[in-house]
PDB file of all heavy atoms in Angstrom:
ATOM      1  N   GLY A   1      18.215 -11.478  18.066  1.00  0.00           N
ATOM      2  CA  GLY A   1      19.140 -12.489  17.587  1.00  0.00           C
ATOM      3  C   GLY A   1      18.728 -13.126  16.271  1.00  0.00           C
ATOM      4  O   GLY A   1      17.651 -12.853  15.734  1.00  0.00           O
ATOM      5  N   PRO A   2      19.589 -14.033  15.724  1.00  0.00           N
ATOM      6  CA  PRO A   2      19.338 -14.614  14.394  1.00  0.00           C
ATOM      7  C   PRO A   2      18.165 -15.581  14.334  1.00  0.00           C
ATOM      8  O   PRO A   2      17.597 -15.797  13.266  1.00  0.00           O
ATOM      9  CB  PRO A   2      20.660 -15.343  14.084  1.00  0.00           C
ATOM     10  CG  PRO A   2      21.248 -15.640  15.426  1.00  0.00           C
ATOM     11  CD  PRO A   2      20.861 -14.505  16.310  1.00  0.00           C
ATOM     12  N   SER A   3      17.767 -16.176  15.450  1.00  0.00           N
ATOM     13  CA  SER A   3      16.683 -17.164  15.438  1.00  0.00           C
ATOM     14  C   SER A   3      15.325 -16.540  15.756  1.00  0.00           C
ATOM     15  O   SER A   3      14.384 -16.635  14.957  1.00  0.00           O
ATOM     16  CB  SER A   3      16.987 -18.284  16.445  1.00  0.00           C
ATOM     17  OG  SER A   3      18.173 -18.962  16.088  1.00  0.00           O
ATOM     18  N   ALA A   4      15.214 -15.906  16.926  1.00  0.00           N
ATOM     19  CA  ALA A   4      13.933 -15.326  17.338  1.00  0.00           C
ATOM     20  C   ALA A   4      13.502 -14.177  16.439  1.00  0.00           C
ATOM     21  O   ALA A   4      12.316 -13.846  16.369  1.00  0.00           O
ATOM     22  CB  ALA A   4      14.021 -14.843  18.789  1.00  0.00           C
ATOM     23  N   SER A   5      14.447 -13.569  15.729  1.00  0.00           N
ATOM     24  CA  SER A   5      14.115 -12.417  14.873  1.00  0.00           C
ATOM     25  C   SER A   5      13.468 -12.827  13.556  1.00  0.00           C
ATOM     26  O   SER A   5      12.925 -11.969  12.849  1.00  0.00           O
ATOM     27  CB  SER A   5      15.381 -11.597  14.580  1.00  0.00           C
ATOM     28  OG  SER A   5      16.289 -12.346  13.791  1.00  0.00           O
ATOM     29  N   ARG A   6      13.516 -14.110  13.211  1.00  0.00           N
ATOM     30  CA  ARG A   6      13.025 -14.530  11.898  1.00  0.00           C
ATOM     31  C   ARG A   6      11.558 -14.149  11.660  1.00  0.00           C
ATOM     32  O   ARG A   6      11.248 -13.450  10.683  1.00  0.00           O
ATOM     33  CB  ARG A   6      13.243 -16.034  11.709  1.00  0.00           C
ATOM     34  CG  ARG A   6      14.687 -16.399  11.392  1.00  0.00           C
ATOM     35  CD  ARG A   6      14.953 -17.881  11.522  1.00  0.00           C
ATOM     36  NE  ARG A   6      14.119 -18.677  10.645  1.00  0.00           N
ATOM     37  CZ  ARG A   6      14.163 -20.022  10.602  1.00  0.00           C
ATOM     38  NH1 ARG A   6      14.999 -20.666  11.396  1.00  0.00           N
ATOM     39  NH2 ARG A   6      13.379 -20.680   9.782  1.00  0.00           N
ATOM     40  N   PRO A   7      10.615 -14.527  12.523  1.00  0.00           N
ATOM     41  CA  PRO A   7       9.232 -14.095  12.279  1.00  0.00           C
ATOM     42  C   PRO A   7       9.054 -12.588  12.438  1.00  0.00           C
ATOM     43  O   PRO A   7       8.178 -11.997  11.791  1.00  0.00           O
ATOM     44  CB  PRO A   7       8.427 -14.863  13.340  1.00  0.00           C
ATOM     45  CG  PRO A   7       9.409 -15.232  14.390  1.00  0.00           C
ATOM     46  CD  PRO A   7      10.709 -15.433  13.679  1.00  0.00           C
ATOM     47  N   LEU A   8       9.892 -11.963  13.279  1.00  0.00           N
ATOM     48  CA  LEU A   8       9.781 -10.517  13.479  1.00  0.00           C
ATOM     49  C   LEU A   8      10.205  -9.754  12.232  1.00  0.00           C
ATOM     50  O   LEU A   8       9.635  -8.714  11.902  1.00  0.00           O
ATOM     51  CB  LEU A   8      10.619 -10.074  14.681  1.00  0.00           C
ATOM     52  CG  LEU A   8      10.235 -10.678  16.033  1.00  0.00           C
ATOM     53  CD1 LEU A   8      11.142 -10.131  17.131  1.00  0.00           C
ATOM     54  CD2 LEU A   8       8.776 -10.385  16.358  1.00  0.00           C
ATOM     55  N   ILE A   9      11.236 -10.267  11.552  1.00  0.00           N
ATOM     56  CA  ILE A   9      11.684  -9.633  10.301  1.00  0.00           C
ATOM     57  C   ILE A   9      10.602  -9.772   9.236  1.00  0.00           C
ATOM     58  O   ILE A   9      10.339  -8.826   8.476  1.00  0.00           O
ATOM     59  CB  ILE A   9      13.004 -10.257   9.823  1.00  0.00           C
ATOM     60  CG1 ILE A   9      14.162  -9.829  10.738  1.00  0.00           C
ATOM     61  CG2 ILE A   9      13.301  -9.843   8.379  1.00  0.00           C
ATOM     62  CD1 ILE A   9      14.500  -8.353  10.675  1.00  0.00           C
ATOM     63  N   TYR A  10       9.943 -10.920   9.188  1.00  0.00           N
ATOM     64  CA  TYR A  10       8.838 -11.085   8.241  1.00  0.00           C
ATOM     65  C   TYR A  10       7.694 -10.139   8.583  1.00  0.00           C
ATOM     66  O   TYR A  10       7.074  -9.534   7.689  1.00  0.00           O
ATOM     67  CB  TYR A  10       8.338 -12.536   8.238  1.00  0.00           C
ATOM     68  CG  TYR A  10       9.127 -13.443   7.341  1.00  0.00           C
ATOM     69  CD1 TYR A  10      10.206 -14.171   7.829  1.00  0.00           C
ATOM     70  CD2 TYR A  10       8.808 -13.561   5.993  1.00  0.00           C
ATOM     71  CE1 TYR A  10      10.945 -15.004   7.007  1.00  0.00           C
ATOM     72  CE2 TYR A  10       9.535 -14.392   5.156  1.00  0.00           C
ATOM     73  CZ  TYR A  10      10.601 -15.113   5.668  1.00  0.00           C
ATOM     74  OH  TYR A  10      11.335 -15.926   4.844  1.00  0.00           O
ATOM     75  N   LEU A  11       7.390  -9.999   9.874  1.00  0.00           N
ATOM     76  CA  LEU A  11       6.331  -9.086  10.287  1.00  0.00           C
ATOM     77  C   LEU A  11       6.712  -7.649   9.970  1.00  0.00           C
ATOM     78  O   LEU A  11       5.867  -6.838   9.576  1.00  0.00           O
ATOM     79  CB  LEU A  11       6.058  -9.239  11.787  1.00  0.00           C
ATOM     80  CG  LEU A  11       4.928  -8.381  12.372  1.00  0.00           C
ATOM     81  CD1 LEU A  11       3.617  -8.640  11.643  1.00  0.00           C
ATOM     82  CD2 LEU A  11       4.781  -8.650  13.866  1.00  0.00           C
ATOM     83  N   TYR A  12       7.999  -7.345  10.112  1.00  0.00           N
ATOM     84  CA  TYR A  12       8.507  -6.008   9.782  1.00  0.00           C
ATOM     85  C   TYR A  12       8.226  -5.685   8.322  1.00  0.00           C
ATOM     86  O   TYR A  12       7.767  -4.589   7.979  1.00  0.00           O
ATOM     87  CB  TYR A  12      10.014  -5.971  10.069  1.00  0.00           C
ATOM     88  CG  TYR A  12      10.730  -4.713   9.646  1.00  0.00           C
ATOM     89  CD1 TYR A  12      10.692  -3.574  10.434  1.00  0.00           C
ATOM     90  CD2 TYR A  12      11.472  -4.672   8.464  1.00  0.00           C
ATOM     91  CE1 TYR A  12      11.363  -2.420  10.065  1.00  0.00           C
ATOM     92  CE2 TYR A  12      12.140  -3.531   8.089  1.00  0.00           C
ATOM     93  CZ  TYR A  12      12.096  -2.403   8.895  1.00  0.00           C
ATOM     94  OH  TYR A  12      12.754  -1.263   8.512  1.00  0.00           O
ATOM     95  N   HIS A  13       8.478  -6.644   7.454  1.00  0.00           N
ATOM     96  CA  HIS A  13       8.236  -6.429   6.031  1.00  0.00           C
ATOM     97  C   HIS A  13       6.775  -6.662   5.644  1.00  0.00           C
ATOM     98  O   HIS A  13       6.344  -6.223   4.577  1.00  0.00           O
ATOM     99  CB  HIS A  13       9.167  -7.313   5.204  1.00  0.00           C
ATOM    100  CG  HIS A  13      10.607  -6.917   5.321  1.00  0.00           C
ATOM    101  ND1 HIS A  13      11.122  -5.806   4.695  1.00  0.00           N
ATOM    102  CD2 HIS A  13      11.637  -7.451   6.031  1.00  0.00           C
ATOM    103  CE1 HIS A  13      12.403  -5.688   4.999  1.00  0.00           C
ATOM    104  NE2 HIS A  13      12.728  -6.667   5.803  1.00  0.00           N
ATOM    105  N   PHE A  14       6.032  -7.338   6.517  1.00  0.00           N
ATOM    106  CA  PHE A  14       4.599  -7.482   6.295  1.00  0.00           C
ATOM    107  C   PHE A  14       3.876  -6.145   6.468  1.00  0.00           C
ATOM    108  O   PHE A  14       2.978  -5.799   5.697  1.00  0.00           O
ATOM    109  CB  PHE A  14       4.030  -8.510   7.282  1.00  0.00           C
ATOM    110  CG  PHE A  14       2.530  -8.580   7.324  1.00  0.00           C
ATOM    111  CD1 PHE A  14       1.827  -9.250   6.347  1.00  0.00           C
ATOM    112  CD2 PHE A  14       1.818  -7.977   8.356  1.00  0.00           C
ATOM    113  CE1 PHE A  14       0.442  -9.329   6.386  1.00  0.00           C
ATOM    114  CE2 PHE A  14       0.439  -8.045   8.408  1.00  0.00           C
ATOM    115  CZ  PHE A  14      -0.250  -8.722   7.425  1.00  0.00           C
ATOM    116  N   THR A  15       4.271  -5.383   7.479  1.00  0.00           N
ATOM    117  CA  THR A  15       3.599  -4.117   7.747  1.00  0.00           C
ATOM    118  C   THR A  15       3.797  -3.117   6.612  1.00  0.00           C
ATOM    119  O   THR A  15       2.932  -2.257   6.385  1.00  0.00           O
ATOM    120  CB  THR A  15       4.089  -3.493   9.071  1.00  0.00           C
ATOM    121  OG1 THR A  15       5.520  -3.448   9.083  1.00  0.00           O
ATOM    122  CG2 THR A  15       3.617  -4.305  10.260  1.00  0.00           C
ATOM    123  N   VAL A  16       4.899  -3.217   5.886  1.00  0.00           N
ATOM    124  CA  VAL A  16       5.080  -2.326   4.740  1.00  0.00           C
ATOM    125  C   VAL A  16       4.060  -2.660   3.655  1.00  0.00           C
ATOM    126  O   VAL A  16       3.585  -1.774   2.931  1.00  0.00           O
ATOM    127  CB  VAL A  16       6.516  -2.407   4.181  1.00  0.00           C
ATOM    128  CG1 VAL A  16       6.749  -3.652   3.357  1.00  0.00           C
ATOM    129  CG2 VAL A  16       6.860  -1.183   3.330  1.00  0.00           C
ATOM    130  N   GLY A  17       3.677  -3.941   3.567  1.00  0.00           N
ATOM    131  CA  GLY A  17       2.641  -4.332   2.625  1.00  0.00           C
ATOM    132  C   GLY A  17       1.272  -3.810   3.022  1.00  0.00           C
ATOM    133  O   GLY A  17       0.469  -3.442   2.167  1.00  0.00           O
ATOM    134  N   VAL A  18       1.005  -3.768   4.330  1.00  0.00           N
ATOM    135  CA  VAL A  18      -0.265  -3.226   4.800  1.00  0.00           C
ATOM    136  C   VAL A  18      -0.366  -1.746   4.444  1.00  0.00           C
ATOM    137  O   VAL A  18      -1.390  -1.265   3.954  1.00  0.00           O
ATOM    138  CB  VAL A  18      -0.420  -3.421   6.326  1.00  0.00           C
ATOM    139  CG1 VAL A  18      -1.729  -2.811   6.812  1.00  0.00           C
ATOM    140  CG2 VAL A  18      -0.358  -4.894   6.678  1.00  0.00           C
ATOM    141  N   GLY A  19       0.730  -1.015   4.680  1.00  0.00           N
ATOM    142  CA  GLY A  19       0.750   0.403   4.313  1.00  0.00           C
ATOM    143  C   GLY A  19       0.596   0.602   2.822  1.00  0.00           C
ATOM    144  O   GLY A  19      -0.107   1.515   2.368  1.00  0.00           O
ATOM    145  N   GLY A  20       1.234  -0.266   2.048  1.00  0.00           N
ATOM    146  CA  GLY A  20       1.112  -0.185   0.597  1.00  0.00           C
ATOM    147  C   GLY A  20      -0.279  -0.498   0.108  1.00  0.00           C
ATOM    148  O   GLY A  20      -0.754   0.079  -0.875  1.00  0.00           O
ATOM    149  N   PHE A  21      -0.972  -1.407   0.793  1.00  0.00           N
ATOM    150  CA  PHE A  21      -2.347  -1.752   0.427  1.00  0.00           C
ATOM    151  C   PHE A  21      -3.304  -0.600   0.700  1.00  0.00           C
ATOM    152  O   PHE A  21      -4.214  -0.311  -0.084  1.00  0.00           O
ATOM    153  CB  PHE A  21      -2.763  -2.999   1.221  1.00  0.00           C
ATOM    154  CG  PHE A  21      -4.239  -3.286   1.161  1.00  0.00           C
ATOM    155  CD1 PHE A  21      -4.823  -3.748  -0.004  1.00  0.00           C
ATOM    156  CD2 PHE A  21      -5.040  -3.100   2.275  1.00  0.00           C
ATOM    157  CE1 PHE A  21      -6.179  -4.022  -0.060  1.00  0.00           C
ATOM    158  CE2 PHE A  21      -6.399  -3.369   2.233  1.00  0.00           C
ATOM    159  CZ  PHE A  21      -6.966  -3.826   1.062  1.00  0.00           C
ATOM    160  N   VAL A  22      -3.113   0.086   1.810  1.00  0.00           N
ATOM    161  CA  VAL A  22      -4.017   1.164   2.213  1.00  0.00           C
ATOM    162  C   VAL A  22      -3.861   2.396   1.321  1.00  0.00           C
ATOM    163  O   VAL A  22      -4.843   3.077   1.001  1.00  0.00           O
ATOM    164  CB  VAL A  22      -3.781   1.530   3.692  1.00  0.00           C
ATOM    165  CG1 VAL A  22      -4.524   2.806   4.076  1.00  0.00           C
ATOM    166  CG2 VAL A  22      -4.218   0.379   4.592  1.00  0.00           C
ATOM    167  N   ALA A  23      -2.629   2.695   0.912  1.00  0.00           N
ATOM    168  CA  ALA A  23      -2.344   3.942   0.194  1.00  0.00           C
ATOM    169  C   ALA A  23      -3.203   4.170  -1.047  1.00  0.00           C
ATOM    170  O   ALA A  23      -3.767   5.262  -1.214  1.00  0.00           O
ATOM    171  CB  ALA A  23      -0.852   4.006  -0.161  1.00  0.00           C
ATOM    172  N   PRO A  24      -3.348   3.203  -1.976  1.00  0.00           N
ATOM    173  CA  PRO A  24      -4.173   3.465  -3.154  1.00  0.00           C
ATOM    174  C   PRO A  24      -5.637   3.751  -2.824  1.00  0.00           C
ATOM    175  O   PRO A  24      -6.296   4.532  -3.516  1.00  0.00           O
ATOM    176  CB  PRO A  24      -4.046   2.166  -3.970  1.00  0.00           C
ATOM    177  CG  PRO A  24      -2.768   1.559  -3.523  1.00  0.00           C
ATOM    178  CD  PRO A  24      -2.667   1.888  -2.070  1.00  0.00           C
ATOM    179  N   PHE A  25      -6.157   3.127  -1.755  1.00  0.00           N
ATOM    180  CA  PHE A  25      -7.536   3.391  -1.361  1.00  0.00           C
ATOM    181  C   PHE A  25      -7.698   4.802  -0.826  1.00  0.00           C
ATOM    182  O   PHE A  25      -8.734   5.448  -1.024  1.00  0.00           O
ATOM    183  CB  PHE A  25      -7.991   2.375  -0.314  1.00  0.00           C
ATOM    184  CG  PHE A  25      -8.319   1.028  -0.885  1.00  0.00           C
ATOM    185  CD1 PHE A  25      -7.491  -0.058  -0.654  1.00  0.00           C
ATOM    186  CD2 PHE A  25      -9.446   0.843  -1.671  1.00  0.00           C
ATOM    187  CE1 PHE A  25      -7.785  -1.308  -1.182  1.00  0.00           C
ATOM    188  CE2 PHE A  25      -9.755  -0.395  -2.210  1.00  0.00           C
ATOM    189  CZ  PHE A  25      -8.920  -1.482  -1.970  1.00  0.00           C
ATOM    190  N   ILE A  26      -6.666   5.287  -0.123  1.00  0.00           N
ATOM    191  CA  ILE A  26      -6.707   6.667   0.356  1.00  0.00           C
ATOM    192  C   ILE A  26      -6.602   7.632  -0.827  1.00  0.00           C
ATOM    193  O   ILE A  26      -7.241   8.683  -0.860  1.00  0.00           O
ATOM    194  CB  ILE A  26      -5.574   6.911   1.368  1.00  0.00           C
ATOM    195  CG1 ILE A  26      -5.823   6.098   2.643  1.00  0.00           C
ATOM    196  CG2 ILE A  26      -5.448   8.404   1.712  1.00  0.00           C
ATOM    197  CD1 ILE A  26      -4.736   6.202   3.682  1.00  0.00           C
ATOM    198  N   ALA A  27      -5.799   7.263  -1.818  1.00  0.00           N
ATOM    199  CA  ALA A  27      -5.589   8.141  -2.970  1.00  0.00           C
ATOM    200  C   ALA A  27      -6.783   8.154  -3.930  1.00  0.00           C
ATOM    201  O   ALA A  27      -7.034   9.173  -4.588  1.00  0.00           O
ATOM    202  CB  ALA A  27      -4.331   7.713  -3.728  1.00  0.00           C
ATOM    203  N   GLU A  28      -7.517   7.041  -4.017  1.00  0.00           N
ATOM    204  CA  GLU A  28      -8.580   6.908  -5.028  1.00  0.00           C
ATOM    205  C   GLU A  28      -9.616   8.034  -4.997  1.00  0.00           C
ATOM    206  O   GLU A  28      -9.924   8.627  -6.046  1.00  0.00           O
ATOM    207  CB  GLU A  28      -9.266   5.550  -4.898  1.00  0.00           C
ATOM    208  CG  GLU A  28     -10.337   5.329  -5.953  1.00  0.00           C
ATOM    209  CD  GLU A  28     -11.024   3.984  -5.812  1.00  0.00           C
ATOM    210  OE1 GLU A  28     -10.580   3.172  -4.971  1.00  0.00           O
ATOM    211  OE2 GLU A  28     -12.012   3.751  -6.535  1.00  0.00           O
ATOM    212  N   PRO A  29     -10.200   8.387  -3.830  1.00  0.00           N
ATOM    213  CA  PRO A  29     -11.205   9.465  -3.853  1.00  0.00           C
ATOM    214  C   PRO A  29     -10.632  10.813  -4.267  1.00  0.00           C
ATOM    215  O   PRO A  29     -11.314  11.608  -4.917  1.00  0.00           O
ATOM    216  CB  PRO A  29     -11.728   9.499  -2.409  1.00  0.00           C
ATOM    217  CG  PRO A  29     -10.681   8.815  -1.600  1.00  0.00           C
ATOM    218  CD  PRO A  29     -10.075   7.795  -2.490  1.00  0.00           C
ATOM    219  N   PHE A  30      -9.368  11.076  -3.922  1.00  0.00           N
ATOM    220  CA  PHE A  30      -8.742  12.335  -4.327  1.00  0.00           C
ATOM    221  C   PHE A  30      -8.473  12.359  -5.829  1.00  0.00           C
ATOM    222  O   PHE A  30      -8.644  13.385  -6.494  1.00  0.00           O
ATOM    223  CB  PHE A  30      -7.436  12.546  -3.556  1.00  0.00           C
ATOM    224  CG  PHE A  30      -7.612  12.697  -2.072  1.00  0.00           C
ATOM    225  CD1 PHE A  30      -7.163  11.726  -1.200  1.00  0.00           C
ATOM    226  CD2 PHE A  30      -8.260  13.806  -1.543  1.00  0.00           C
ATOM    227  CE1 PHE A  30      -7.329  11.853   0.167  1.00  0.00           C
ATOM    228  CE2 PHE A  30      -8.431  13.953  -0.175  1.00  0.00           C
ATOM    229  CZ  PHE A  30      -7.970  12.967   0.686  1.00  0.00           C
ATOM    230  N   LEU A  31      -8.065  11.197  -6.386  1.00  0.00           N
ATOM    231  CA  LEU A  31      -7.852  11.096  -7.831  1.00  0.00           C
ATOM    232  C   LEU A  31      -9.169  11.254  -8.589  1.00  0.00           C
ATOM    233  O   LEU A  31      -9.245  11.963  -9.599  1.00  0.00           O
ATOM    234  CB  LEU A  31      -7.201   9.751  -8.166  1.00  0.00           C
ATOM    235  CG  LEU A  31      -5.740   9.564  -7.754  1.00  0.00           C
ATOM    236  CD1 LEU A  31      -5.358   8.092  -7.771  1.00  0.00           C
ATOM    237  CD2 LEU A  31      -4.814  10.357  -8.668  1.00  0.00           C
ATOM    238  N   ALA A  32     -10.223  10.590  -8.094  1.00  0.00           N
ATOM    239  CA  ALA A  32     -11.524  10.690  -8.741  1.00  0.00           C
ATOM    240  C   ALA A  32     -12.094  12.103  -8.642  1.00  0.00           C
ATOM    241  O   ALA A  32     -12.753  12.595  -9.575  1.00  0.00           O
ATOM    242  CB  ALA A  32     -12.490   9.690  -8.111  1.00  0.00           C
ATOM    243  N   MET A  33     -11.829  12.765  -7.528  1.00  0.00           N
ATOM    244  CA  MET A  33     -12.302  14.129  -7.327  1.00  0.00           C
ATOM    245  C   MET A  33     -11.717  15.089  -8.369  1.00  0.00           C
ATOM    246  O   MET A  33     -12.388  15.988  -8.874  1.00  0.00           O
ATOM    247  CB  MET A  33     -11.911  14.600  -5.918  1.00  0.00           C
ATOM    248  CG  MET A  33     -12.515  15.931  -5.492  1.00  0.00           C
ATOM    249  SD  MET A  33     -11.843  16.443  -3.876  1.00  0.00           S
ATOM    250  CE  MET A  33     -12.180  14.982  -2.887  1.00  0.00           C
ATOM    251  N   GLU A  34     -10.455  14.851  -8.717  1.00  0.00           N
ATOM    252  CA  GLU A  34      -9.775  15.754  -9.641  1.00  0.00           C
ATOM    253  C   GLU A  34      -9.944  15.334 -11.100  1.00  0.00           C
ATOM    254  O   GLU A  34     -10.126  16.167 -11.978  1.00  0.00           O
ATOM    255  CB  GLU A  34      -8.283  15.826  -9.298  1.00  0.00           C
ATOM    256  CG  GLU A  34      -7.465  16.728 -10.214  1.00  0.00           C
ATOM    257  CD  GLU A  34      -7.848  18.196 -10.102  1.00  0.00           C
ATOM    258  OE1 GLU A  34      -8.544  18.578  -9.135  1.00  0.00           O
ATOM    259  OE2 GLU A  34      -7.465  18.971 -10.996  1.00  0.00           O
ATOM    260  N   TYR A  35      -9.855  14.029 -11.370  1.00  0.00           N
ATOM    261  CA  TYR A  35      -9.802  13.571 -12.754  1.00  0.00           C
ATOM    262  C   TYR A  35     -11.039  12.809 -13.207  1.00  0.00           C
ATOM    263  O   TYR A  35     -11.144  12.453 -14.380  1.00  0.00           O
ATOM    264  CB  TYR A  35      -8.563  12.681 -12.965  1.00  0.00           C
ATOM    265  CG  TYR A  35      -7.282  13.361 -12.582  1.00  0.00           C
ATOM    266  CD1 TYR A  35      -6.394  12.769 -11.683  1.00  0.00           C
ATOM    267  CD2 TYR A  35      -6.952  14.608 -13.105  1.00  0.00           C
ATOM    268  CE1 TYR A  35      -5.218  13.397 -11.331  1.00  0.00           C
ATOM    269  CE2 TYR A  35      -5.773  15.238 -12.749  1.00  0.00           C
ATOM    270  CZ  TYR A  35      -4.913  14.628 -11.863  1.00  0.00           C
ATOM    271  OH  TYR A  35      -3.751  15.255 -11.511  1.00  0.00           O
ATOM    272  N   GLY A  36     -11.958  12.478 -12.301  1.00  0.00           N
ATOM    273  CA  GLY A  36     -13.146  11.731 -12.686  1.00  0.00           C
ATOM    274  C   GLY A  36     -12.839  10.256 -12.836  1.00  0.00           C
ATOM    275  O   GLY A  36     -11.782   9.774 -12.457  1.00  0.00           O
ATOM    276  N   GLU A  37     -13.771   9.520 -13.433  1.00  0.00           N
ATOM    277  CA  GLU A  37     -13.652   8.067 -13.528  1.00  0.00           C
ATOM    278  C   GLU A  37     -13.238   7.580 -14.916  1.00  0.00           C
ATOM    279  O   GLU A  37     -13.150   6.397 -15.152  1.00  0.00           O
ATOM    280  CB  GLU A  37     -14.996   7.412 -13.180  1.00  0.00           C
ATOM    281  CG  GLU A  37     -15.316   7.474 -11.698  1.00  0.00           C
ATOM    282  CD  GLU A  37     -14.336   6.662 -10.857  1.00  0.00           C
ATOM    283  OE1 GLU A  37     -13.843   5.636 -11.358  1.00  0.00           O
ATOM    284  OE2 GLU A  37     -14.060   7.057  -9.720  1.00  0.00           O
ATOM    285  N   VAL A  38     -13.018   8.485 -15.863  1.00  0.00           N
ATOM    286  CA  VAL A  38     -12.674   8.032 -17.208  1.00  0.00           C
ATOM    287  C   VAL A  38     -11.239   7.582 -17.260  1.00  0.00           C
ATOM    288  O   VAL A  38     -10.414   7.971 -16.456  1.00  0.00           O
ATOM    289  CB  VAL A  38     -12.892   9.160 -18.251  1.00  0.00           C
ATOM    290  CG1 VAL A  38     -14.332   9.564 -18.286  1.00  0.00           C
ATOM    291  CG2 VAL A  38     -11.991  10.358 -17.964  1.00  0.00           C
ATOM    292  N   GLY A  39     -10.922   6.726 -18.241  1.00  0.00           N
ATOM    293  CA  GLY A  39      -9.554   6.286 -18.417  1.00  0.00           C
ATOM    294  C   GLY A  39      -8.730   7.364 -19.086  1.00  0.00           C
ATOM    295  O   GLY A  39      -9.237   8.348 -19.590  1.00  0.00           O
ATOM    296  N   VAL A  40      -7.437   7.148 -19.110  1.00  0.00           N
ATOM    297  CA  VAL A  40      -6.517   8.084 -19.733  1.00  0.00           C
ATOM    298  C   VAL A  40      -6.093   7.519 -21.082  1.00  0.00           C
ATOM    299  O   VAL A  40      -5.908   6.321 -21.238  1.00  0.00           O
ATOM    300  CB  VAL A  40      -5.289   8.322 -18.833  1.00  0.00           C
ATOM    301  CG1 VAL A  40      -4.322   9.285 -19.480  1.00  0.00           C
ATOM    302  CG2 VAL A  40      -5.732   8.855 -17.471  1.00  0.00           C
ATOM    303  N   ASP A  41      -5.936   8.386 -22.035  1.00  0.00           N
ATOM    304  CA  ASP A  41      -5.554   7.979 -23.381  1.00  0.00           C
ATOM    305  C   ASP A  41      -4.222   7.236 -23.362  1.00  0.00           C
ATOM    306  O   ASP A  41      -3.346   7.547 -22.569  1.00  0.00           O
ATOM    307  CB  ASP A  41      -5.433   9.239 -24.258  1.00  0.00           C
ATOM    308  CG  ASP A  41      -5.262   8.877 -25.719  1.00  0.00           C
ATOM    309  OD1 ASP A  41      -6.274   8.744 -26.420  1.00  0.00           O
ATOM    310  OD2 ASP A  41      -4.107   8.737 -26.138  1.00  0.00           O
ATOM    311  N   PRO A  42      -4.036   6.216 -24.241  1.00  0.00           N
ATOM    312  CA  PRO A  42      -2.768   5.515 -24.295  1.00  0.00           C
ATOM    313  C   PRO A  42      -1.574   6.424 -24.555  1.00  0.00           C
ATOM    314  O   PRO A  42      -0.443   6.036 -24.346  1.00  0.00           O
ATOM    315  CB  PRO A  42      -2.963   4.516 -25.446  1.00  0.00           C
ATOM    316  CG  PRO A  42      -4.429   4.252 -25.457  1.00  0.00           C
ATOM    317  CD  PRO A  42      -5.060   5.561 -25.096  1.00  0.00           C
TER     318      PRO A  42
END
């Protein structure tokens, strides 16, 4: 319903942030493995 769902909707969108936070950390070792630690030219 419209009232009890309010914190649940926030939690629903909170979990997408958790997944978004984890993803770059999972990607970092694979990126470093292929491209190393140097920056990319502008």
